[in-house]
Amino acid sequence: MNKNWLKVVIAGVFEVGWVVGLKHSTTPLTWGLTLVAIFFSFYLMISASEELPVGTVYAVFVGIGTTGTVLLDALLFGHSLSVAKVSLIVILLVGVIGLKMVTPAETSEVKN
């Protein structure tokens, strides 16, 4: 995995943090951590998009965020995981992994 795809994965992890933070923040500290997660999430995603196709980066970013948020909700907050929910997450991940596999590691475009 090259550094730009690593940025996308880390951005997706930060996305999980800020999505959960938006729902569960109650103190200035937790709101501050949510804002930090938002900043790093988008900074890393935008940074990776400078070298990788933006559509694929966004799809992978959202796939990681969606999967992580649903799983964290189930593990930490007791939300249910039905067979249908897990099946749809698996389908989402197959699509995201497929997009990543057919996308070149870095584009060869000349920056202006």
Protein backbone atom coordinates (compact mmCIF):
# COMPACT_ATOMS: atom_id res chain seq x y z
CA MET A 1 0.00 0.00 0.00
CA ASN A 2 1.50 3.34 -0.95
CA LYS A 3 1.42 6.46 1.19
CA ASN A 4 -1.59 7.99 -0.56
CA TRP A 5 -3.79 4.95 0.02
CA LEU A 6 -2.58 4.88 3.63
CA LYS A 7 -3.77 8.49 3.92
CA VAL A 8 -7.20 7.43 2.67
CA VAL A 9 -7.41 4.61 5.22
CA ILE A 10 -6.36 6.91 8.08
CA ALA A 11 -8.82 9.56 6.85
CA GLY A 12 -11.57 6.93 6.97
CA VAL A 13 -10.67 6.07 10.56
CA PHE A 14 -10.84 9.75 11.51
CA GLU A 15 -14.20 9.92 9.73
CA VAL A 16 -15.55 7.24 12.06
CA GLY A 17 -14.32 9.34 14.99
CA TRP A 18 -16.03 12.53 13.91
CA VAL A 19 -19.29 10.86 12.90
CA VAL A 20 -19.55 9.21 16.31
CA GLY A 21 -18.43 12.48 17.91
CA LEU A 22 -21.20 14.45 16.23
CA LYS A 23 -23.79 12.22 17.89
CA HIS A 24 -22.21 11.62 21.28
CA SER A 25 -20.18 14.75 22.13
CA THR A 26 -21.40 16.49 25.27
CA THR A 27 -18.40 18.41 26.63
CA PRO A 28 -16.06 21.03 25.18
CA LEU A 29 -13.28 18.39 25.13
CA THR A 30 -15.30 15.86 23.12
CA TRP A 31 -16.49 18.57 20.74
CA GLY A 32 -12.86 19.69 20.33
CA LEU A 33 -11.76 16.13 19.54
CA THR A 34 -14.60 15.88 17.02
CA LEU A 35 -13.38 19.04 15.29
CA VAL A 36 -9.81 17.71 15.22
CA ALA A 37 -11.07 14.46 13.67
CA ILE A 38 -13.01 16.42 11.02
CA PHE A 39 -9.92 18.44 10.15
CA PHE A 40 -7.58 15.46 9.84
CA SER A 41 -10.15 13.37 8.02
CA PHE A 42 -10.67 15.90 5.26
CA TYR A 43 -7.04 17.05 5.16
CA LEU A 44 -5.82 13.49 4.54
CA MET A 45 -8.56 12.74 2.02
CA ILE A 46 -7.89 15.92 0.04
CA SER A 47 -4.14 15.32 0.20
CA ALA A 48 -4.53 11.80 -1.20
CA SER A 49 -6.86 13.12 -3.92
CA GLU A 50 -4.03 15.20 -5.33
CA GLU A 51 -2.37 11.99 -6.58
CA LEU A 52 -5.24 9.49 -6.78
CA PRO A 53 -8.56 9.63 -8.66
CA VAL A 54 -10.94 11.64 -6.50
CA GLY A 55 -13.96 9.41 -7.15
CA THR A 56 -12.19 6.28 -5.99
CA VAL A 57 -10.66 8.07 -2.99
CA TYR A 58 -14.08 9.30 -1.92
CA ALA A 59 -15.70 5.89 -2.37
CA VAL A 60 -13.02 4.18 -0.27
CA PHE A 61 -13.18 6.96 2.35
CA VAL A 62 -16.96 6.67 2.69
CA GLY A 63 -16.85 2.86 2.66
CA ILE A 64 -14.38 2.80 5.54
CA GLY A 65 -16.37 5.42 7.41
CA THR A 66 -19.70 3.68 6.92
CA THR A 67 -18.39 0.27 7.91
CA GLY A 68 -16.51 1.60 10.92
CA THR A 69 -19.44 3.69 12.14
CA VAL A 70 -21.93 0.82 11.93
CA LEU A 71 -19.55 -1.57 13.69
CA LEU A 72 -18.63 0.95 16.38
CA ASP A 73 -22.30 1.71 17.00
CA ALA A 74 -22.91 -2.00 17.55
CA LEU A 75 -19.83 -2.59 19.72
CA LEU A 76 -19.90 0.54 21.88
CA PHE A 77 -23.51 1.69 21.89
CA GLY A 78 -25.47 -1.55 21.66
CA HIS A 79 -27.14 -1.00 18.28
CA SER A 80 -28.24 -4.19 16.60
CA LEU A 81 -26.43 -5.89 13.73
CA SER A 82 -28.89 -7.81 11.59
CA VAL A 83 -27.95 -10.29 8.90
CA ALA A 84 -29.19 -7.80 6.31
CA LYS A 85 -27.02 -5.00 7.72
CA VAL A 86 -23.90 -7.18 7.80
CA SER A 87 -24.62 -8.49 4.28
CA LEU A 88 -24.95 -4.97 2.90
CA ILE A 89 -21.71 -3.90 4.59
CA VAL A 90 -19.95 -6.88 3.01
CA ILE A 91 -21.33 -5.89 -0.41
CA LEU A 92 -20.16 -2.31 0.19
CA LEU A 93 -16.67 -3.50 1.14
CA VAL A 94 -16.45 -5.77 -1.90
CA GLY A 95 -17.28 -2.79 -4.11
CA VAL A 96 -14.80 -0.50 -2.38
CA ILE A 97 -12.02 -3.10 -2.49
CA GLY A 98 -12.82 -3.74 -6.15
CA LEU A 99 -12.57 -0.03 -6.96
CA LYS A 100 -9.25 0.19 -5.15
CA MET A 101 -7.91 -2.86 -6.99
CA VAL A 102 -8.74 -1.51 -10.46
CA THR A 103 -7.40 1.98 -9.72
CA PRO A 104 -3.73 2.73 -10.41
CA ALA A 105 -1.63 3.46 -7.32
CA GLU A 106 -0.87 7.00 -8.47
CA THR A 107 -1.86 9.01 -11.48
CA SER A 108 0.72 10.24 -13.95
CA GLU A 109 -0.93 13.62 -14.53
CA VAL A 110 1.29 16.67 -14.60
CA LYS A 111 0.33 19.18 -11.90
CA ASN A 112 -0.17 22.75 -12.95
